[in-house]
Amino acid sequence: LSDLQYRLIGREVSITYPNYWTPLDWNSRIHHLSRLQLGEEIIYDETN
């Protein structure tokens, strides 16, 4: 968490998430992040 805060707060990132709907989030405000990218660096990726 500390490393992510230091590296990413105030920086532009690219976020990838799946388009799906659930009644627990009826207004689609919360998204399960599948990929997080800072420039060309992939910080997190579960898309294989």
ModelCIF file with pLDDT and N, C-alpha, C, O atoms, coordinates in Angstrom:
data_MODEL
#
_entry.id   MODEL 
#
_entity.id                         1 
_entity.type                       polymer 
_entity.pdbx_number_of_molecules   1 
#
_entity_poly.entity_id                      1 
_entity_poly.type                           'polypeptide(L)' 
_entity_poly.nstd_linkage                   no 
_entity_poly.nstd_monomer                   no 
_entity_poly.pdbx_seq_one_letter_code       LSDLQYRLIGREVSITYPNYWTPLDWNSRIHHLSRLQLGEEIIYDETN 
_entity_poly.pdbx_seq_one_letter_code_can   LSDLQYRLIGREVSITYPNYWTPLDWNSRIHHLSRLQLGEEIIYDETN 
_entity_poly.pdbx_strand_id                 A 
#
loop_
_entity_poly_seq.entity_id 
_entity_poly_seq.num 
_entity_poly_seq.mon_id 
_entity_poly_seq.hetero 
1 1  LEU n 
1 2  SER n 
1 3  ASP n 
1 4  LEU n 
1 5  GLN n 
1 6  TYR n 
1 7  ARG n 
1 8  LEU n 
1 9  ILE n 
1 10 GLY n 
1 11 ARG n 
1 12 GLU n 
1 13 VAL n 
1 14 SER n 
1 15 ILE n 
1 16 THR n 
1 17 TYR n 
1 18 PRO n 
1 19 ASN n 
1 20 TYR n 
1 21 TRP n 
1 22 THR n 
1 23 PRO n 
1 24 LEU n 
1 25 ASP n 
1 26 TRP n 
1 27 ASN n 
1 28 SER n 
1 29 ARG n 
1 30 ILE n 
1 31 HIS n 
1 32 HIS n 
1 33 LEU n 
1 34 SER n 
1 35 ARG n 
1 36 LEU n 
1 37 GLN n 
1 38 LEU n 
1 39 GLY n 
1 40 GLU n 
1 41 GLU n 
1 42 ILE n 
1 43 ILE n 
1 44 TYR n 
1 45 ASP n 
1 46 GLU n 
1 47 THR n 
1 48 ASN n 
#
_struct_asym.id          A 
_struct_asym.entity_id   1 
#
loop_
_ma_qa_metric.id 
_ma_qa_metric.mode 
_ma_qa_metric.name 
_ma_qa_metric.software_group_id 
_ma_qa_metric.type 
1 global pLDDT . pLDDT 
2 local  pLDDT . pLDDT 
#
_ma_qa_metric_global.metric_id      1 
_ma_qa_metric_global.metric_value   86.48 
_ma_qa_metric_global.model_id       1 
_ma_qa_metric_global.ordinal_id     1 
#
loop_
_ma_qa_metric_local.label_asym_id 
_ma_qa_metric_local.label_comp_id 
_ma_qa_metric_local.label_seq_id 
_ma_qa_metric_local.metric_id 
_ma_qa_metric_local.metric_value 
_ma_qa_metric_local.model_id 
_ma_qa_metric_local.ordinal_id 
A LEU 1  2 96.00 1 1  
A SER 2  2 96.00 1 2  
A ASP 3  2 96.00 1 3  
A LEU 4  2 97.00 1 4  
A GLN 5  2 97.00 1 5  
A TYR 6  2 97.00 1 6  
A ARG 7  2 96.00 1 7  
A LEU 8  2 97.00 1 8  
A ILE 9  2 97.00 1 9  
A GLY 10 2 97.00 1 10 
A ARG 11 2 97.00 1 11 
A GLU 12 2 97.00 1 12 
A VAL 13 2 97.00 1 13 
A SER 14 2 96.00 1 14 
A ILE 15 2 95.00 1 15 
A THR 16 2 93.00 1 16 
A TYR 17 2 90.00 1 17 
A PRO 18 2 87.00 1 18 
A ASN 19 2 83.00 1 19 
A TYR 20 2 77.00 1 20 
A TRP 21 2 64.00 1 21 
A THR 22 2 65.00 1 22 
A PRO 23 2 65.00 1 23 
A LEU 24 2 59.00 1 24 
A ASP 25 2 57.00 1 25 
A TRP 26 2 54.00 1 26 
A ASN 27 2 61.00 1 27 
A SER 28 2 69.00 1 28 
A ARG 29 2 76.00 1 29 
A ILE 30 2 83.00 1 30 
A HIS 31 2 87.00 1 31 
A HIS 32 2 86.00 1 32 
A LEU 33 2 90.00 1 33 
A SER 34 2 91.00 1 34 
A ARG 35 2 93.00 1 35 
A LEU 36 2 95.00 1 36 
A GLN 37 2 95.00 1 37 
A LEU 38 2 96.00 1 38 
A GLY 39 2 95.00 1 39 
A GLU 40 2 93.00 1 40 
A GLU 41 2 95.00 1 41 
A ILE 42 2 93.00 1 42 
A ILE 43 2 94.00 1 43 
A TYR 44 2 94.00 1 44 
A ASP 45 2 92.00 1 45 
A GLU 46 2 87.00 1 46 
A THR 47 2 78.00 1 47 
A ASN 48 2 66.00 1 48 
#
loop_
_atom_site.group_PDB 
_atom_site.id 
_atom_site.type_symbol 
_atom_site.label_atom_id 
_atom_site.label_alt_id 
_atom_site.label_comp_id 
_atom_site.label_asym_id 
_atom_site.label_entity_id 
_atom_site.label_seq_id 
_atom_site.pdbx_PDB_ins_code 
_atom_site.Cartn_x 
_atom_site.Cartn_y 
_atom_site.Cartn_z 
_atom_site.occupancy 
_atom_site.B_iso_or_equiv 
_atom_site.pdbx_formal_charge 
_atom_site.auth_seq_id 
_atom_site.auth_comp_id 
_atom_site.auth_asym_id 
_atom_site.auth_atom_id 
_atom_site.pdbx_PDB_model_num 
ATOM 1   N N  . LEU A 1 1  ? 0.819   -1.210  0.000   1.00 96.00 ? 1  LEU A N  1 
ATOM 2   C CA . LEU A 1 1  ? 0.000   0.000   0.000   1.00 96.00 ? 1  LEU A CA 1 
ATOM 3   C C  . LEU A 1 1  ? 0.858   1.267   0.000   1.00 96.00 ? 1  LEU A C  1 
ATOM 4   O O  . LEU A 1 1  ? 0.597   2.186   -0.777  1.00 96.00 ? 1  LEU A O  1 
ATOM 5   N N  . SER A 1 2  ? 1.864   1.325   0.852   1.00 96.00 ? 2  SER A N  1 
ATOM 6   C CA . SER A 1 2  ? 2.723   2.513   0.924   1.00 96.00 ? 2  SER A CA 1 
ATOM 7   C C  . SER A 1 2  ? 3.456   2.742   -0.394  1.00 96.00 ? 2  SER A C  1 
ATOM 8   O O  . SER A 1 2  ? 3.563   3.880   -0.853  1.00 96.00 ? 2  SER A O  1 
ATOM 9   N N  . ASP A 1 3  ? 3.954   1.681   -1.000  1.00 96.00 ? 3  ASP A N  1 
ATOM 10  C CA . ASP A 1 3  ? 4.664   1.795   -2.273  1.00 96.00 ? 3  ASP A CA 1 
ATOM 11  C C  . ASP A 1 3  ? 3.727   2.309   -3.365  1.00 96.00 ? 3  ASP A C  1 
ATOM 12  O O  . ASP A 1 3  ? 4.091   3.188   -4.146  1.00 96.00 ? 3  ASP A O  1 
ATOM 13  N N  . LEU A 1 4  ? 2.521   1.751   -3.411  1.00 97.00 ? 4  LEU A N  1 
ATOM 14  C CA . LEU A 1 4  ? 1.549   2.195   -4.417  1.00 97.00 ? 4  LEU A CA 1 
ATOM 15  C C  . LEU A 1 4  ? 1.202   3.676   -4.225  1.00 97.00 ? 4  LEU A C  1 
ATOM 16  O O  . LEU A 1 4  ? 1.121   4.428   -5.196  1.00 97.00 ? 4  LEU A O  1 
ATOM 17  N N  . GLN A 1 5  ? 0.999   4.088   -2.976  1.00 97.00 ? 5  GLN A N  1 
ATOM 18  C CA . GLN A 1 5  ? 0.680   5.488   -2.699  1.00 97.00 ? 5  GLN A CA 1 
ATOM 19  C C  . GLN A 1 5  ? 1.822   6.395   -3.143  1.00 97.00 ? 5  GLN A C  1 
ATOM 20  O O  . GLN A 1 5  ? 1.588   7.424   -3.777  1.00 97.00 ? 5  GLN A O  1 
ATOM 21  N N  . TYR A 1 6  ? 3.043   6.022   -2.815  1.00 97.00 ? 6  TYR A N  1 
ATOM 22  C CA . TYR A 1 6  ? 4.214   6.832   -3.168  1.00 97.00 ? 6  TYR A CA 1 
ATOM 23  C C  . TYR A 1 6  ? 4.364   6.945   -4.689  1.00 97.00 ? 6  TYR A C  1 
ATOM 24  O O  . TYR A 1 6  ? 4.641   8.025   -5.210  1.00 97.00 ? 6  TYR A O  1 
ATOM 25  N N  . ARG A 1 7  ? 4.179   5.833   -5.390  1.00 96.00 ? 7  ARG A N  1 
ATOM 26  C CA . ARG A 1 7  ? 4.423   5.800   -6.829  1.00 96.00 ? 7  ARG A CA 1 
ATOM 27  C C  . ARG A 1 7  ? 3.284   6.359   -7.668  1.00 96.00 ? 7  ARG A C  1 
ATOM 28  O O  . ARG A 1 7  ? 3.522   6.873   -8.761  1.00 96.00 ? 7  ARG A O  1 
ATOM 29  N N  . LEU A 1 8  ? 2.033   6.267   -7.172  1.00 97.00 ? 8  LEU A N  1 
ATOM 30  C CA . LEU A 1 8  ? 0.899   6.533   -8.054  1.00 97.00 ? 8  LEU A CA 1 
ATOM 31  C C  . LEU A 1 8  ? 0.072   7.765   -7.737  1.00 97.00 ? 8  LEU A C  1 
ATOM 32  O O  . LEU A 1 8  ? -0.540  8.324   -8.647  1.00 97.00 ? 8  LEU A O  1 
ATOM 33  N N  . ILE A 1 9  ? 0.022   8.214   -6.493  1.00 97.00 ? 9  ILE A N  1 
ATOM 34  C CA . ILE A 1 9  ? -0.824  9.366   -6.178  1.00 97.00 ? 9  ILE A CA 1 
ATOM 35  C C  . ILE A 1 9  ? -0.311  10.592  -6.942  1.00 97.00 ? 9  ILE A C  1 
ATOM 36  O O  . ILE A 1 9  ? 0.871   10.935  -6.894  1.00 97.00 ? 9  ILE A O  1 
ATOM 37  N N  . GLY A 1 10 ? -1.246  11.236  -7.645  1.00 97.00 ? 10 GLY A N  1 
ATOM 38  C CA . GLY A 1 10 ? -0.921  12.403  -8.449  1.00 97.00 ? 10 GLY A CA 1 
ATOM 39  C C  . GLY A 1 10 ? -0.448  12.063  -9.860  1.00 97.00 ? 10 GLY A C  1 
ATOM 40  O O  . GLY A 1 10 ? -0.158  12.964  -10.648 1.00 97.00 ? 10 GLY A O  1 
ATOM 41  N N  . ARG A 1 11 ? -0.369  10.780  -10.185 1.00 97.00 ? 11 ARG A N  1 
ATOM 42  C CA . ARG A 1 11 ? 0.104   10.358  -11.504 1.00 97.00 ? 11 ARG A CA 1 
ATOM 43  C C  . ARG A 1 11 ? -1.065  9.802   -12.312 1.00 97.00 ? 11 ARG A C  1 
ATOM 44  O O  . ARG A 1 11 ? -2.036  9.291   -11.753 1.00 97.00 ? 11 ARG A O  1 
ATOM 45  N N  . GLU A 1 12 ? -0.956  9.911   -13.638 1.00 97.00 ? 12 GLU A N  1 
ATOM 46  C CA . GLU A 1 12 ? -2.002  9.372   -14.512 1.00 97.00 ? 12 GLU A CA 1 
ATOM 47  C C  . GLU A 1 12 ? -1.759  7.888   -14.758 1.00 97.00 ? 12 GLU A C  1 
ATOM 48  O O  . GLU A 1 12 ? -0.659  7.471   -15.122 1.00 97.00 ? 12 GLU A O  1 
ATOM 49  N N  . VAL A 1 13 ? -2.801  7.110   -14.552 1.00 97.00 ? 13 VAL A N  1 
ATOM 50  C CA . VAL A 1 13 ? -2.733  5.664   -14.758 1.00 97.00 ? 13 VAL A CA 1 
ATOM 51  C C  . VAL A 1 13 ? -3.818  5.241   -15.743 1.00 97.00 ? 13 VAL A C  1 
ATOM 52  O O  . VAL A 1 13 ? -4.752  5.990   -16.032 1.00 97.00 ? 13 VAL A O  1 
ATOM 53  N N  . SER A 1 14 ? -3.669  4.042   -16.239 1.00 96.00 ? 14 SER A N  1 
ATOM 54  C CA . SER A 1 14 ? -4.685  3.411   -17.077 1.00 96.00 ? 14 SER A CA 1 
ATOM 55  C C  . SER A 1 14 ? -5.250  2.234   -16.288 1.00 96.00 ? 14 SER A C  1 
ATOM 56  O O  . SER A 1 14 ? -4.498  1.409   -15.767 1.00 96.00 ? 14 SER A O  1 
ATOM 57  N N  . ILE A 1 15 ? -6.563  2.162   -16.203 1.00 95.00 ? 15 ILE A N  1 
ATOM 58  C CA . ILE A 1 15 ? -7.253  1.105   -15.453 1.00 95.00 ? 15 ILE A CA 1 
ATOM 59  C C  . ILE A 1 15 ? -8.149  0.332   -16.412 1.00 95.00 ? 15 ILE A C  1 
ATOM 60  O O  . ILE A 1 15 ? -8.894  0.917   -17.198 1.00 95.00 ? 15 ILE A O  1 
ATOM 61  N N  . THR A 1 16 ? -8.063  -0.979  -16.335 1.00 93.00 ? 16 THR A N  1 
ATOM 62  C CA . THR A 1 16 ? -8.919  -1.858  -17.137 1.00 93.00 ? 16 THR A CA 1 
ATOM 63  C C  . THR A 1 16 ? -9.807  -2.650  -16.186 1.00 93.00 ? 16 THR A C  1 
ATOM 64  O O  . THR A 1 16 ? -9.336  -3.178  -15.179 1.00 93.00 ? 16 THR A O  1 
ATOM 65  N N  . TYR A 1 17 ? -11.091 -2.730  -16.511 1.00 90.00 ? 17 TYR A N  1 
ATOM 66  C CA . TYR A 1 17 ? -12.020 -3.514  -15.701 1.00 90.00 ? 17 TYR A CA 1 
ATOM 67  C C  . TYR A 1 17 ? -13.095 -4.114  -16.599 1.00 90.00 ? 17 TYR A C  1 
ATOM 68  O O  . TYR A 1 17 ? -13.360 -3.590  -17.681 1.00 90.00 ? 17 TYR A O  1 
ATOM 69  N N  . PRO A 1 18 ? -13.724 -5.221  -16.156 1.00 87.00 ? 18 PRO A N  1 
ATOM 70  C CA . PRO A 1 18 ? -14.765 -5.839  -16.979 1.00 87.00 ? 18 PRO A CA 1 
ATOM 71  C C  . PRO A 1 18 ? -16.088 -5.087  -16.860 1.00 87.00 ? 18 PRO A C  1 
ATOM 72  O O  . PRO A 1 18 ? -16.431 -4.574  -15.795 1.00 87.00 ? 18 PRO A O  1 
ATOM 73  N N  . ASN A 1 19 ? -16.811 -5.033  -17.949 1.00 83.00 ? 19 ASN A N  1 
ATOM 74  C CA . ASN A 1 19 ? -18.128 -4.416  -17.978 1.00 83.00 ? 19 ASN A CA 1 
ATOM 75  C C  . ASN A 1 19 ? -19.151 -5.476  -17.553 1.00 83.00 ? 19 ASN A C  1 
ATOM 76  O O  . ASN A 1 19 ? -19.471 -6.385  -18.319 1.00 83.00 ? 19 ASN A O  1 
ATOM 77  N N  . TYR A 1 20 ? -19.647 -5.350  -16.348 1.00 77.00 ? 20 TYR A N  1 
ATOM 78  C CA . TYR A 1 20 ? -20.685 -6.262  -15.857 1.00 77.00 ? 20 TYR A CA 1 
ATOM 79  C C  . TYR A 1 20 ? -21.504 -5.552  -14.793 1.00 77.00 ? 20 TYR A C  1 
ATOM 80  O O  . TYR A 1 20 ? -21.093 -4.516  -14.271 1.00 77.00 ? 20 TYR A O  1 
ATOM 81  N N  . TRP A 1 21 ? -22.661 -6.113  -14.475 1.00 64.00 ? 21 TRP A N  1 
ATOM 82  C CA . TRP A 1 21 ? -23.571 -5.489  -13.520 1.00 64.00 ? 21 TRP A CA 1 
ATOM 83  C C  . TRP A 1 21 ? -23.931 -6.492  -12.442 1.00 64.00 ? 21 TRP A C  1 
ATOM 84  O O  . TRP A 1 21 ? -24.069 -7.686  -12.710 1.00 64.00 ? 21 TRP A O  1 
ATOM 85  N N  . THR A 1 22 ? -24.083 -5.998  -11.214 1.00 65.00 ? 22 THR A N  1 
ATOM 86  C CA . THR A 1 22 ? -24.551 -6.812  -10.106 1.00 65.00 ? 22 THR A CA 1 
ATOM 87  C C  . THR A 1 22 ? -25.506 -5.976  -9.258  1.00 65.00 ? 22 THR A C  1 
ATOM 88  O O  . THR A 1 22 ? -25.305 -4.769  -9.128  1.00 65.00 ? 22 THR A O  1 
ATOM 89  N N  . PRO A 1 23 ? -26.533 -6.583  -8.681  1.00 65.00 ? 23 PRO A N  1 
ATOM 90  C CA . PRO A 1 23 ? -27.455 -5.825  -7.831  1.00 65.00 ? 23 PRO A CA 1 
ATOM 91  C C  . PRO A 1 23 ? -26.777 -5.238  -6.588  1.00 65.00 ? 23 PRO A C  1 
ATOM 92  O O  . PRO A 1 23 ? -27.300 -4.294  -5.995  1.00 65.00 ? 23 PRO A O  1 
ATOM 93  N N  . LEU A 1 24 ? -25.627 -5.780  -6.188  1.00 59.00 ? 24 LEU A N  1 
ATOM 94  C CA . LEU A 1 24 ? -24.914 -5.223  -5.038  1.00 59.00 ? 24 LEU A CA 1 
ATOM 95  C C  . LEU A 1 24 ? -24.342 -3.847  -5.352  1.00 59.00 ? 24 LEU A C  1 
ATOM 96  O O  . LEU A 1 24 ? -24.079 -3.056  -4.447  1.00 59.00 ? 24 LEU A O  1 
ATOM 97  N N  . ASP A 1 25 ? -24.150 -3.564  -6.638  1.00 57.00 ? 25 ASP A N  1 
ATOM 98  C CA . ASP A 1 25 ? -23.657 -2.263  -7.084  1.00 57.00 ? 25 ASP A CA 1 
ATOM 99  C C  . ASP A 1 25 ? -24.573 -1.806  -8.217  1.00 57.00 ? 25 ASP A C  1 
ATOM 100 O O  . ASP A 1 25 ? -24.145 -1.694  -9.366  1.00 57.00 ? 25 ASP A O  1 
ATOM 101 N N  . TRP A 1 26 ? -25.816 -1.547  -7.889  1.00 54.00 ? 26 TRP A N  1 
ATOM 102 C CA . TRP A 1 26 ? -26.856 -1.300  -8.894  1.00 54.00 ? 26 TRP A CA 1 
ATOM 103 C C  . TRP A 1 26 ? -26.563 -0.104  -9.786  1.00 54.00 ? 26 TRP A C  1 
ATOM 104 O O  . TRP A 1 26 ? -27.048 -0.054  -10.916 1.00 54.00 ? 26 TRP A O  1 
ATOM 105 N N  . ASN A 1 27 ? -25.763 0.885   -9.297  1.00 61.00 ? 27 ASN A N  1 
ATOM 106 C CA . ASN A 1 27 ? -25.474 2.064   -10.116 1.00 61.00 ? 27 ASN A CA 1 
ATOM 107 C C  . ASN A 1 27 ? -24.077 2.014   -10.746 1.00 61.00 ? 27 ASN A C  1 
ATOM 108 O O  . ASN A 1 27 ? -23.584 3.024   -11.249 1.00 61.00 ? 27 ASN A O  1 
ATOM 109 N N  . SER A 1 28 ? -23.448 0.845   -10.715 1.00 69.00 ? 28 SER A N  1 
ATOM 110 C CA . SER A 1 28 ? -22.137 0.597   -11.345 1.00 69.00 ? 28 SER A CA 1 
ATOM 111 C C  . SER A 1 28 ? -21.094 1.635   -10.936 1.00 69.00 ? 28 SER A C  1 
ATOM 112 O O  . SER A 1 28 ? -20.456 2.257   -11.785 1.00 69.00 ? 28 SER A O  1 
ATOM 113 N N  . ARG A 1 29 ? -20.933 1.809   -9.649  1.00 76.00 ? 29 ARG A N  1 
ATOM 114 C CA . ARG A 1 29 ? -19.985 2.788   -9.122  1.00 76.00 ? 29 ARG A CA 1 
ATOM 115 C C  . ARG A 1 29 ? -18.666 2.142   -8.681  1.00 76.00 ? 29 ARG A C  1 
ATOM 116 O O  . ARG A 1 29 ? -17.644 2.823   -8.605  1.00 76.00 ? 29 ARG A O  1 
ATOM 117 N N  . ILE A 1 30 ? -18.680 0.855   -8.395  1.00 83.00 ? 30 ILE A N  1 
ATOM 118 C CA . ILE A 1 30 ? -17.507 0.145   -7.891  1.00 83.00 ? 30 ILE A CA 1 
ATOM 119 C C  . ILE A 1 30 ? -17.082 -0.882  -8.922  1.00 83.00 ? 30 ILE A C  1 
ATOM 120 O O  . ILE A 1 30 ? -17.898 -1.673  -9.395  1.00 83.00 ? 30 ILE A O  1 
ATOM 121 N N  . HIS A 1 31 ? -15.785 -0.869  -9.274  1.00 87.00 ? 31 HIS A N  1 
ATOM 122 C CA . HIS A 1 31 ? -15.313 -1.749  -10.345 1.00 87.00 ? 31 HIS A CA 1 
ATOM 123 C C  . HIS A 1 31 ? -14.124 -2.585  -9.898  1.00 87.00 ? 31 HIS A C  1 
ATOM 124 O O  . HIS A 1 31 ? -13.191 -2.084  -9.269  1.00 87.00 ? 31 HIS A O  1 
ATOM 125 N N  . HIS A 1 32 ? -14.176 -3.855  -10.231 1.00 86.00 ? 32 HIS A N  1 
ATOM 126 C CA . HIS A 1 32 ? -13.085 -4.789  -9.984  1.00 86.00 ? 32 HIS A CA 1 
ATOM 127 C C  . HIS A 1 32 ? -11.988 -4.527  -11.011 1.00 86.00 ? 32 HIS A C  1 
ATOM 128 O O  . HIS A 1 32 ? -12.169 -4.788  -12.200 1.00 86.00 ? 32 HIS A O  1 
ATOM 129 N N  . LEU A 1 33 ? -10.875 -4.021  -10.558 1.00 90.00 ? 33 LEU A N  1 
ATOM 130 C CA . LEU A 1 33 ? -9.766  -3.647  -11.431 1.00 90.00 ? 33 LEU A CA 1 
ATOM 131 C C  . LEU A 1 33 ? -9.039  -4.906  -11.917 1.00 90.00 ? 33 LEU A C  1 
ATOM 132 O O  . LEU A 1 33 ? -8.637  -5.747  -11.113 1.00 90.00 ? 33 LEU A O  1 
ATOM 133 N N  . SER A 1 34 ? -8.876  -5.027  -13.230 1.00 91.00 ? 34 SER A N  1 
ATOM 134 C CA . SER A 1 34 ? -8.196  -6.185  -13.807 1.00 91.00 ? 34 SER A CA 1 
ATOM 135 C C  . SER A 1 34 ? -6.764  -5.874  -14.226 1.00 91.00 ? 34 SER A C  1 
ATOM 136 O O  . SER A 1 34 ? -5.903  -6.754  -14.224 1.00 91.00 ? 34 SER A O  1 
ATOM 137 N N  . ARG A 1 35 ? -6.516  -4.619  -14.586 1.00 93.00 ? 35 ARG A N  1 
ATOM 138 C CA . ARG A 1 35 ? -5.162  -4.205  -14.975 1.00 93.00 ? 35 ARG A CA 1 
ATOM 139 C C  . ARG A 1 35 ? -4.957  -2.757  -14.550 1.00 93.00 ? 35 ARG A C  1 
ATOM 140 O O  . ARG A 1 35 ? -5.835  -1.908  -14.705 1.00 93.00 ? 35 ARG A O  1 
ATOM 141 N N  . LEU A 1 36 ? -3.758  -2.502  -14.005 1.00 95.00 ? 36 LEU A N  1 
ATOM 142 C CA . LEU A 1 36 ? -3.360  -1.159  -13.608 1.00 95.00 ? 36 LEU A CA 1 
ATOM 143 C C  . LEU A 1 36 ? -2.025  -0.879  -14.278 1.00 95.00 ? 36 LEU A C  1 
ATOM 144 O O  . LEU A 1 36 ? -1.069  -1.641  -14.136 1.00 95.00 ? 36 LEU A O  1 
ATOM 145 N N  . GLN A 1 37 ? -1.979  0.219   -15.005 1.00 95.00 ? 37 GLN A N  1 
ATOM 146 C CA . GLN A 1 37 ? -0.787  0.525   -15.781 1.00 95.00 ? 37 GLN A CA 1 
ATOM 147 C C  . GLN A 1 37 ? -0.380  1.978   -15.565 1.00 95.00 ? 37 GLN A C  1 
ATOM 148 O O  . GLN A 1 37 ? -1.222  2.876   -15.562 1.00 95.00 ? 37 GLN A O  1 
ATOM 149 N N  . LEU A 1 38 ? 0.923   2.197   -15.385 1.00 96.00 ? 38 LEU A N  1 
ATOM 150 C CA . LEU A 1 38 ? 1.511   3.522   -15.264 1.00 96.00 ? 38 LEU A CA 1 
ATOM 151 C C  . LEU A 1 38 ? 2.445   3.679   -16.456 1.00 96.00 ? 38 LEU A C  1 
ATOM 152 O O  . LEU A 1 38 ? 3.529   3.097   -16.485 1.00 96.00 ? 38 LEU A O  1 
ATOM 153 N N  . GLY A 1 39 ? 2.022   4.467   -17.436 1.00 95.00 ? 39 GLY A N  1 
ATOM 154 C CA . GLY A 1 39 ? 2.801   4.570   -18.672 1.00 95.00 ? 39 GLY A CA 1 
ATOM 155 C C  . GLY A 1 39 ? 2.858   3.202   -19.338 1.00 95.00 ? 39 GLY A C  1 
ATOM 156 O O  . GLY A 1 39 ? 1.824   2.589   -19.605 1.00 95.00 ? 39 GLY A O  1 
ATOM 157 N N  . GLU A 1 40 ? 4.055   2.733   -19.602 1.00 93.00 ? 40 GLU A N  1 
ATOM 158 C CA . GLU A 1 40 ? 4.242   1.409   -20.199 1.00 93.00 ? 40 GLU A CA 1 
ATOM 159 C C  . GLU A 1 40 ? 4.380   0.313   -19.143 1.00 93.00 ? 40 GLU A C  1 
ATOM 160 O O  . GLU A 1 40 ? 4.367   -0.872  -19.478 1.00 93.00 ? 40 GLU A O  1 
ATOM 161 N N  . GLU A 1 41 ? 4.511   0.698   -17.868 1.00 95.00 ? 41 GLU A N  1 
ATOM 162 C CA . GLU A 1 41 ? 4.717   -0.274  -16.797 1.00 95.00 ? 41 GLU A CA 1 
ATOM 163 C C  . GLU A 1 41 ? 3.381   -0.827  -16.303 1.00 95.00 ? 41 GLU A C  1 
ATOM 164 O O  . GLU A 1 41 ? 2.483   -0.075  -15.923 1.00 95.00 ? 41 GLU A O  1 
ATOM 165 N N  . ILE A 1 42 ? 3.270   -2.138  -16.316 1.00 93.00 ? 42 ILE A N  1 
ATOM 166 C CA . ILE A 1 42 ? 2.070   -2.781  -15.779 1.00 93.00 ? 42 ILE A CA 1 
ATOM 167 C C  . ILE A 1 42 ? 2.321   -3.060  -14.299 1.00 93.00 ? 42 ILE A C  1 
ATOM 168 O O  . ILE A 1 42 ? 3.190   -3.854  -13.940 1.00 93.00 ? 42 ILE A O  1 
ATOM 169 N N  . ILE A 1 43 ? 1.548   -2.395  -13.454 1.00 94.00 ? 43 ILE A N  1 
ATOM 170 C CA . ILE A 1 43 ? 1.675   -2.528  -12.003 1.00 94.00 ? 43 ILE A CA 1 
ATOM 171 C C  . ILE A 1 43 ? 0.955   -3.795  -11.526 1.00 94.00 ? 43 ILE A C  1 
ATOM 172 O O  . ILE A 1 43 ? 1.449   -4.505  -10.651 1.00 94.00 ? 43 ILE A O  1 
ATOM 173 N N  . TYR A 1 44 ? -0.204  -4.066  -12.105 1.00 94.00 ? 44 TYR A N  1 
ATOM 174 C CA . TYR A 1 44 ? -1.022  -5.221  -11.725 1.00 94.00 ? 44 TYR A CA 1 
ATOM 175 C C  . TYR A 1 44 ? -1.751  -5.708  -12.962 1.00 94.00 ? 44 TYR A C  1 
ATOM 176 O O  . TYR A 1 44 ? -2.244  -4.909  -13.758 1.00 94.00 ? 44 TYR A O  1 
ATOM 177 N N  . ASP A 1 45 ? -1.819  -7.040  -13.122 1.00 92.00 ? 45 ASP A N  1 
ATOM 178 C CA . ASP A 1 45 ? -2.506  -7.588  -14.290 1.00 92.00 ? 45 ASP A CA 1 
ATOM 179 C C  . ASP A 1 45 ? -3.048  -8.972  -13.986 1.00 92.00 ? 45 ASP A C  1 
ATOM 180 O O  . ASP A 1 45 ? -2.288  -9.881  -13.652 1.00 92.00 ? 45 ASP A O  1 
ATOM 181 N N  . GLU A 1 46 ? -4.351  -9.135  -14.098 1.00 87.00 ? 46 GLU A N  1 
ATOM 182 C CA . GLU A 1 46 ? -4.946  -10.464 -13.970 1.00 87.00 ? 46 GLU A CA 1 
ATOM 183 C C  . GLU A 1 46 ? -5.612  -10.890 -15.283 1.00 87.00 ? 46 GLU A C  1 
ATOM 184 O O  . GLU A 1 46 ? -6.427  -11.812 -15.309 1.00 87.00 ? 46 GLU A O  1 
ATOM 185 N N  . THR A 1 47 ? -5.249  -10.201 -16.371 1.00 78.00 ? 47 THR A N  1 
ATOM 186 C CA . THR A 1 47 ? -5.831  -10.521 -17.683 1.00 78.00 ? 47 THR A CA 1 
ATOM 187 C C  . THR A 1 47 ? -4.967  -11.502 -18.461 1.00 78.00 ? 47 THR A C  1 
ATOM 188 O O  . THR A 1 47 ? -5.255  -11.802 -19.619 1.00 78.00 ? 47 THR A O  1 
ATOM 189 N N  . ASN A 1 48 ? -3.914  -12.001 -17.832 1.00 66.00 ? 48 ASN A N  1 
ATOM 190 C CA . ASN A 1 48 ? -2.980  -12.923 -18.484 1.00 66.00 ? 48 ASN A CA 1 
ATOM 191 C C  . ASN A 1 48 ? -2.371  -12.319 -19.737 1.00 66.00 ? 48 ASN A C  1 
ATOM 192 O O  . ASN A 1 48 ? -1.563  -12.965 -20.404 1.00 66.00 ? 48 ASN A O  1 
#
